[in-house]
C-alpha atoms as a PDB file:
ATOM      1  CA  UNK A   1      69.298-169.464-110.259  1.00  0.00           C
ATOM      2  CA  UNK A   2      65.803-167.975-110.031  1.00  0.00           C
ATOM      3  CA  UNK A   3      63.184-169.167-112.459  1.00  0.00           C
ATOM      4  CA  UNK A   4      63.819-166.880-115.468  1.00  0.00           C
ATOM      5  CA  UNK A   5      60.264-167.062-116.750  1.00  0.00           C
ATOM      6  CA  UNK A   6      58.711-165.613-113.618  1.00  0.00           C
ATOM      7  CA  UNK A   7      61.342-162.978-112.925  1.00  0.00           C
ATOM      8  CA  UNK A   8      59.494-160.122-114.554  1.00  0.00           C
ATOM      9  CA  UNK A   9      56.168-161.183-116.021  1.00  0.00           C
ATOM     10  CA  UNK A  10      54.213-159.323-113.371  1.00  0.00           C
ATOM     11  CA  UNK A  11      56.501-156.315-113.288  1.00  0.00           C
ATOM     12  CA  UNK A  12      55.839-152.816-114.552  1.00  0.00           C
ATOM     13  CA  UNK A  13      57.022-151.217-117.813  1.00  0.00           C
ATOM     14  CA  UNK A  14      60.281-152.476-119.245  1.00  0.00           C
ATOM     15  CA  UNK A  15      63.428-150.468-118.588  1.00  0.00           C
ATOM     16  CA  UNK A  16      65.377-148.879-121.412  1.00  0.00           C
ATOM     17  CA  UNK A  17      67.940-151.484-122.374  1.00  0.00           C
ATOM     18  CA  UNK A  18      71.609-150.872-123.142  1.00  0.00           C
ATOM     19  CA  UNK A  19      72.165-154.459-124.268  1.00  0.00           C
ATOM     20  CA  UNK A  20      72.747-155.154-127.935  1.00  0.00           C
ATOM     21  CA  UNK A  21      71.070-158.249-129.370  1.00  0.00           C
ATOM     22  CA  UNK A  22      74.332-160.135-129.829  1.00  0.00           C
ATOM     23  CA  UNK A  23      75.397-159.382-126.247  1.00  0.00           C
ATOM     24  CA  UNK A  24      72.042-160.534-124.921  1.00  0.00           C
ATOM     25  CA  UNK A  25      72.090-163.737-126.940  1.00  0.00           C
ATOM     26  CA  UNK A  26      75.617-164.566-125.808  1.00  0.00           C
ATOM     27  CA  UNK A  27      74.619-163.954-122.204  1.00  0.00           C
ATOM     28  CA  UNK A  28      71.597-166.229-122.559  1.00  0.00           C
ATOM     29  CA  UNK A  29      73.636-168.934-124.231  1.00  0.00           C
ATOM     30  CA  UNK A  30      76.192-168.726-121.403  1.00  0.00           C
ATOM     31  CA  UNK A  31      73.429-169.038-118.796  1.00  0.00           C
ATOM     32  CA  UNK A  32      73.884-165.631-117.166  1.00  0.00           C
ATOM     33  CA  UNK A  33      70.970-164.808-114.884  1.00  0.00           C
ATOM     34  CA  UNK A  34      71.180-161.094-115.681  1.00  0.00           C
ATOM     35  CA  UNK A  35      70.663-161.899-119.350  1.00  0.00           C
ATOM     36  CA  UNK A  36      67.492-163.822-118.519  1.00  0.00           C
ATOM     37  CA  UNK A  37      66.228-160.860-116.514  1.00  0.00           C
ATOM     38  CA  UNK A  38      67.096-158.500-119.344  1.00  0.00           C
ATOM     39  CA  UNK A  39      65.260-160.612-121.900  1.00  0.00           C
ATOM     40  CA  UNK A  40      62.108-160.681-119.797  1.00  0.00           C
ATOM     41  CA  UNK A  41      62.335-156.946-119.051  1.00  0.00           C
ATOM     42  CA  UNK A  42      62.660-156.146-122.733  1.00  0.00           C
ATOM     43  CA  UNK A  43      60.124-158.516-124.260  1.00  0.00           C
ATOM     44  CA  UNK A  44      57.522-159.416-121.630  1.00  0.00           C
ATOM     45  CA  UNK A  45      55.103-156.597-122.454  1.00  0.00           C
ATOM     46  CA  UNK A  46      55.456-156.687-126.265  1.00  0.00           C
ATOM     47  CA  UNK A  47      54.995-160.472-126.304  1.00  0.00           C
ATOM     48  CA  UNK A  48      52.002-160.262-123.969  1.00  0.00           C
ATOM     49  CA  UNK A  49      50.373-157.554-126.112  1.00  0.00           C
ATOM     50  CA  UNK A  50      50.962-159.542-129.293  1.00  0.00           C
ATOM     51  CA  UNK A  51      49.577-162.811-127.906  1.00  0.00           C
ATOM     52  CA  UNK A  52      46.614-161.084-126.268  1.00  0.00           C
ATOM     53  CA  UNK A  53      45.561-159.556-129.565  1.00  0.00           C
ATOM     54  CA  UNK A  54      45.789-162.980-131.199  1.00  0.00           C
ATOM     55  CA  UNK A  55      43.830-164.809-128.476  1.00  0.00           C
ATOM     56  CA  UNK A  56      41.692-162.151-126.794  1.00  0.00           C
ATOM     57  CA  UNK A  57      41.708-163.771-123.343  1.00  0.00           C
ATOM     58  CA  UNK A  58      43.976-162.601-120.525  1.00  0.00           C
ATOM     59  CA  UNK A  59      44.230-165.989-118.808  1.00  0.00           C
ATOM     60  CA  UNK A  60      45.006-167.845-122.015  1.00  0.00           C
ATOM     61  CA  UNK A  61      47.500-165.157-122.948  1.00  0.00           C
ATOM     62  CA  UNK A  62      49.407-165.479-119.675  1.00  0.00           C
ATOM     63  CA  UNK A  63      49.716-169.239-120.150  1.00  0.00           C
ATOM     64  CA  UNK A  64      50.934-168.853-123.718  1.00  0.00           C
ATOM     65  CA  UNK A  65      53.432-166.127-122.807  1.00  0.00           C
ATOM     66  CA  UNK A  66      54.907-168.388-120.143  1.00  0.00           C
ATOM     67  CA  UNK A  67      55.350-171.090-122.776  1.00  0.00           C
ATOM     68  CA  UNK A  68      56.876-168.591-125.209  1.00  0.00           C
ATOM     69  CA  UNK A  69      59.609-167.671-122.736  1.00  0.00           C
ATOM     70  CA  UNK A  70      60.230-171.315-121.886  1.00  0.00           C
ATOM     71  CA  UNK A  71      60.689-171.996-125.606  1.00  0.00           C
ATOM     72  CA  UNK A  72      63.030-169.026-125.967  1.00  0.00           C
ATOM     73  CA  UNK A  73      65.170-170.168-123.047  1.00  0.00           C
ATOM     74  CA  UNK A  74      65.256-173.776-124.235  1.00  0.00           C
ATOM     75  CA  UNK A  75      66.110-172.906-127.833  1.00  0.00           C
ATOM     76  CA  UNK A  76      68.400-169.888-127.504  1.00  0.00           C
ATOM     77  CA  UNK A  77      71.420-172.081-128.303  1.00  0.00           C
ATOM     78  CA  UNK A  78      69.899-172.624-131.752  1.00  0.00           C
ATOM     79  CA  UNK A  79      69.726-168.897-132.504  1.00  0.00           C
ATOM     80  CA  UNK A  80      72.034-168.234-135.464  1.00  0.00           C
ATOM     81  CA  UNK A  81      71.544-164.488-136.110  1.00  0.00           C
ATOM     82  CA  UNK A  82      69.707-165.173-139.354  1.00  0.00           C
ATOM     83  CA  UNK A  83      67.019-162.766-138.147  1.00  0.00           C
ATOM     84  CA  UNK A  84      66.747-160.175-135.401  1.00  0.00           C
ATOM     85  CA  UNK A  85      66.143-161.444-131.875  1.00  0.00           C
ATOM     86  CA  UNK A  86      62.753-159.705-131.874  1.00  0.00           C
ATOM     87  CA  UNK A  87      61.688-161.420-135.092  1.00  0.00           C
ATOM     88  CA  UNK A  88      62.795-164.793-133.738  1.00  0.00           C
ATOM     89  CA  UNK A  89      60.867-164.321-130.482  1.00  0.00           C
ATOM     90  CA  UNK A  90      57.772-163.057-132.305  1.00  0.00           C
ATOM     91  CA  UNK A  91      57.850-166.134-134.543  1.00  0.00           C
ATOM     92  CA  UNK A  92      57.795-168.318-131.432  1.00  0.00           C
ATOM     93  CA  UNK A  93      54.962-166.226-129.931  1.00  0.00           C
ATOM     94  CA  UNK A  94      52.798-166.431-133.053  1.00  0.00           C
ATOM     95  CA  UNK A  95      53.379-170.183-133.365  1.00  0.00           C
ATOM     96  CA  UNK A  96      52.522-170.758-129.710  1.00  0.00           C
ATOM     97  CA  UNK A  97      49.341-168.697-129.997  1.00  0.00           C
ATOM     98  CA  UNK A  98      48.273-170.681-133.062  1.00  0.00           C
ATOM     99  CA  UNK A  99      49.164-173.969-131.368  1.00  0.00           C
ATOM    100  CA  UNK A 100      47.098-173.003-128.348  1.00  0.00           C
ATOM    101  CA  UNK A 101      44.151-172.124-130.556  1.00  0.00           C
ATOM    102  CA  UNK A 102      44.396-175.527-132.245  1.00  0.00           C
ATOM    103  CA  UNK A 103      44.530-177.198-128.839  1.00  0.00           C
ATOM    104  CA  UNK A 104      41.369-175.357-127.757  1.00  0.00           C
ATOM    105  CA  UNK A 105      39.638-176.456-130.938  1.00  0.00           C
ATOM    106  CA  UNK A 106      40.590-180.111-130.465  1.00  0.00           C
ATOM    107  CA  UNK A 107      39.791-180.314-126.756  1.00  0.00           C
ATOM    108  CA  UNK A 108      36.966-177.834-126.303  1.00  0.00           C
ATOM    109  CA  UNK A 109      35.226-178.014-129.659  1.00  0.00           C
ATOM    110  CA  UNK A 110      35.427-174.293-130.322  1.00  0.00           C
ATOM    111  CA  UNK A 111      35.252-173.486-134.008  1.00  0.00           C
ATOM    112  CA  UNK A 112      38.335-171.590-135.179  1.00  0.00           C
ATOM    113  CA  UNK A 113      39.517-170.667-138.659  1.00  0.00           C
ATOM    114  CA  UNK A 114      43.176-171.552-138.983  1.00  0.00           C
ATOM    115  CA  UNK A 115      43.949-172.620-142.526  1.00  0.00           C
ATOM    116  CA  UNK A 116      45.023-170.738-145.601  1.00  0.00           C
ATOM    117  CA  UNK A 117      41.972-168.836-146.834  1.00  0.00           C
ATOM    118  CA  UNK A 118      42.780-168.732-150.497  1.00  0.00           C
ATOM    119  CA  UNK A 119      45.141-165.761-150.542  1.00  0.00           C
ATOM    120  CA  UNK A 120      46.448-166.601-153.977  1.00  0.00           C
ATOM    121  CA  UNK A 121      43.022-166.921-155.574  1.00  0.00           C
ATOM    122  CA  UNK A 122      41.682-163.485-154.686  1.00  0.00           C
ATOM    123  CA  UNK A 123      44.087-161.410-156.763  1.00  0.00           C
ATOM    124  CA  UNK A 124      44.642-158.767-154.074  1.00  0.00           C
ATOM    125  CA  UNK A 125      48.328-159.164-153.586  1.00  0.00           C
ATOM    126  CA  UNK A 126      50.302-156.589-155.512  1.00  0.00           C
ATOM    127  CA  UNK A 127      47.643-154.566-157.279  1.00  0.00           C
ATOM    128  CA  UNK A 128      46.066-151.998-154.946  1.00  0.00           C
ATOM    129  CA  UNK A 129      47.695-148.606-154.285  1.00  0.00           C
ATOM    130  CA  UNK A 130      48.226-147.159-150.813  1.00  0.00           C
ATOM    131  CA  UNK A 131      45.306-144.816-150.108  1.00  0.00           C
ATOM    132  CA  UNK A 132      46.072-143.656-146.609  1.00  0.00           C
ATOM    133  CA  UNK A 133      46.620-144.490-142.946  1.00  0.00           C
ATOM    134  CA  UNK A 134      45.741-147.777-141.324  1.00  0.00           C
ATOM    135  CA  UNK A 135      42.720-148.156-139.022  1.00  0.00           C
ATOM    136  CA  UNK A 136      44.989-147.731-136.016  1.00  0.00           C
ATOM    137  CA  UNK A 137      46.283-144.386-137.277  1.00  0.00           C
ATOM    138  CA  UNK A 138      42.650-143.237-137.375  1.00  0.00           C
ATOM    139  CA  UNK A 139      41.976-144.228-133.780  1.00  0.00           C
ATOM    140  CA  UNK A 140      42.122-140.717-132.316  1.00  0.00           C
ATOM    141  CA  UNK A 141      40.059-141.309-129.213  1.00  0.00           C
ATOM    142  CA  UNK A 142      39.433-144.078-126.739  1.00  0.00           C
ATOM    143  CA  UNK A 143      35.959-144.956-127.991  1.00  0.00           C
ATOM    144  CA  UNK A 144      37.140-145.312-131.561  1.00  0.00           C
ATOM    145  CA  UNK A 145      40.109-147.419-130.464  1.00  0.00           C
ATOM    146  CA  UNK A 146      37.762-149.702-128.515  1.00  0.00           C
ATOM    147  CA  UNK A 147      35.602-150.180-131.608  1.00  0.00           C
ATOM    148  CA  UNK A 148      38.636-151.035-133.706  1.00  0.00           C
ATOM    149  CA  UNK A 149      39.977-153.478-131.126  1.00  0.00           C
ATOM    150  CA  UNK A 150      36.558-155.161-131.008  1.00  0.00           C
ATOM    151  CA  UNK A 151      36.484-155.456-134.780  1.00  0.00           C
ATOM    152  CA  UNK A 152      40.042-156.801-134.805  1.00  0.00           C
ATOM    153  CA  UNK A 153      39.128-159.554-132.356  1.00  0.00           C
ATOM    154  CA  UNK A 154      36.402-160.725-134.740  1.00  0.00           C
ATOM    155  CA  UNK A 155      38.703-161.011-137.765  1.00  0.00           C
ATOM    156  CA  UNK A 156      39.839-164.480-138.861  1.00  0.00           C
ATOM    157  CA  UNK A 157      43.031-165.390-136.956  1.00  0.00           C
ATOM    158  CA  UNK A 158      44.975-165.816-140.203  1.00  0.00           C
ATOM    159  CA  UNK A 159      44.343-162.214-141.195  1.00  0.00           C
ATOM    160  CA  UNK A 160      44.353-160.813-137.659  1.00  0.00           C
ATOM    161  CA  UNK A 161      47.918-161.986-137.110  1.00  0.00           C
ATOM    162  CA  UNK A 162      49.168-160.188-140.207  1.00  0.00           C
ATOM    163  CA  UNK A 163      47.280-156.981-139.345  1.00  0.00           C
ATOM    164  CA  UNK A 164      48.578-156.972-135.768  1.00  0.00           C
ATOM    165  CA  UNK A 165      52.175-157.490-136.869  1.00  0.00           C
ATOM    166  CA  UNK A 166      51.935-154.724-139.470  1.00  0.00           C
ATOM    167  CA  UNK A 167      49.616-152.086-138.024  1.00  0.00           C
ATOM    168  CA  UNK A 168      50.310-152.470-134.309  1.00  0.00           C
ATOM    169  CA  UNK A 169      53.807-153.919-134.127  1.00  0.00           C
ATOM    170  CA  UNK A 170      54.917-151.880-137.163  1.00  0.00           C
ATOM    171  CA  UNK A 171      56.982-154.711-138.612  1.00  0.00           C
ATOM    172  CA  UNK A 172      58.119-154.717-142.215  1.00  0.00           C
ATOM    173  CA  UNK A 173      56.601-157.053-144.798  1.00  0.00           C
ATOM    174  CA  UNK A 174      59.896-158.927-144.844  1.00  0.00           C
ATOM    175  CA  UNK A 175      59.837-159.439-141.067  1.00  0.00           C
ATOM    176  CA  UNK A 176      56.218-160.595-141.137  1.00  0.00           C
ATOM    177  CA  UNK A 177      56.953-163.008-143.967  1.00  0.00           C
ATOM    178  CA  UNK A 178      59.803-164.468-141.924  1.00  0.00           C
ATOM    179  CA  UNK A 179      57.709-164.768-138.760  1.00  0.00           C
ATOM    180  CA  UNK A 180      54.789-166.438-140.543  1.00  0.00           C
ATOM    181  CA  UNK A 181      56.844-168.473-143.004  1.00  0.00           C
ATOM    182  CA  UNK A 182      54.975-167.152-146.038  1.00  0.00           C
ATOM    183  CA  UNK A 183      55.794-165.032-149.078  1.00  0.00           C
ATOM    184  CA  UNK A 184      55.712-161.226-149.012  1.00  0.00           C
ATOM    185  CA  UNK A 185      52.874-161.332-151.538  1.00  0.00           C
ATOM    186  CA  UNK A 186      50.815-163.490-149.186  1.00  0.00           C
ATOM    187  CA  UNK A 187      51.634-161.153-146.307  1.00  0.00           C
ATOM    188  CA  UNK A 188      50.253-158.239-148.312  1.00  0.00           C
ATOM    189  CA  UNK A 189      47.161-160.217-149.235  1.00  0.00           C
ATOM    190  CA  UNK A 190      46.424-161.152-145.632  1.00  0.00           C
ATOM    191  CA  UNK A 191      46.931-157.595-144.407  1.00  0.00           C
ATOM    192  CA  UNK A 192      44.628-156.215-147.062  1.00  0.00           C
ATOM    193  CA  UNK A 193      41.926-158.797-146.434  1.00  0.00           C
ATOM    194  CA  UNK A 194      42.218-158.346-142.675  1.00  0.00           C
ATOM    195  CA  UNK A 195      41.756-154.598-143.014  1.00  0.00           C
ATOM    196  CA  UNK A 196      38.825-155.097-145.359  1.00  0.00           C
ATOM    197  CA  UNK A 197      37.256-157.521-142.891  1.00  0.00           C
ATOM    198  CA  UNK A 198      37.650-154.927-140.148  1.00  0.00           C
ATOM    199  CA  UNK A 199      36.043-152.286-142.345  1.00  0.00           C
ATOM    200  CA  UNK A 200      33.033-154.503-142.922  1.00  0.00           C
ATOM    201  CA  UNK A 201      32.672-155.301-139.228  1.00  0.00           C
ATOM    202  CA  UNK A 202      32.868-151.633-138.310  1.00  0.00           C
ATOM    203  CA  UNK A 203      30.460-150.432-140.993  1.00  0.00           C
ATOM    204  CA  UNK A 204      27.232-150.948-139.047  1.00  0.00           C
ATOM    205  CA  UNK A 205      28.668-149.473-135.851  1.00  0.00           C
ATOM    206  CA  UNK A 206      30.016-146.438-137.631  1.00  0.00           C
ATOM    207  CA  UNK A 207      27.180-145.705-140.046  1.00  0.00           C
ATOM    208  CA  UNK A 208      25.590-143.306-137.557  1.00  0.00           C
ATOM    209  CA  UNK A 209      28.945-141.585-137.006  1.00  0.00           C
ATOM    210  CA  UNK A 210      30.211-140.538-140.471  1.00  0.00           C
ATOM    211  CA  UNK A 211      33.246-138.776-139.048  1.00  0.00           C
ATOM    212  CA  UNK A 212      34.629-142.097-137.888  1.00  0.00           C
ATOM    213  CA  UNK A 213      34.418-143.864-141.217  1.00  0.00           C
ATOM    214  CA  UNK A 214      37.642-144.948-142.866  1.00  0.00           C
ATOM    215  CA  UNK A 215      38.778-146.828-145.926  1.00  0.00           C
ATOM    216  CA  UNK A 216      41.046-149.864-145.560  1.00  0.00           C
ATOM    217  CA  UNK A 217      44.692-149.177-146.368  1.00  0.00           C
ATOM    218  CA  UNK A 218      45.758-151.310-149.326  1.00  0.00           C
ATOM    219  CA  UNK A 219      49.287-152.620-149.263  1.00  0.00           C
ATOM    220  CA  UNK A 220      52.094-151.185-151.311  1.00  0.00           C
END
């Protein structure tokens, strides 16, 4: 059998899939090569995009994505349908990205913020009404999107992960809570604080362009 991890990681856009999650999981668990190809076709680009936004380096991202698919293939027999396949794979991807960041910190001495940043103490969690679209909904042109991506890369990894999963991946609060292993209230707190951090980082760049200003979207 061909190496399943390298079957499609350098391929073009994923094909539209006709496989249901349960069919795909059964095929993977039975060791069918076509199922491995299907999994890579379906998830290679979303997983790469997610990890890249968490790490910000293409080379590091490629290494981590390879490890993510290895972990998926090795652990697919433990999948018990307690979540969607996408949520399960995203949980592995987020954990691998965080593990890689910790490894870089230990071995290269790069300072990284990884711990809980006091979500519960700030009082943000269930109190602020929804005022409008997220920063990504406001990104109407390439220059604005580039500014937002730059600001996102500077946000603390704890908050960046929650913002990426919500505003880019469009996952529900429940899915994000499951992926990160935290409460829905903490998910909302991290999203709000990540958006606020982005707003602060964009403020100087945007102050000469009032039309681009935006307010952070509080959580429901």
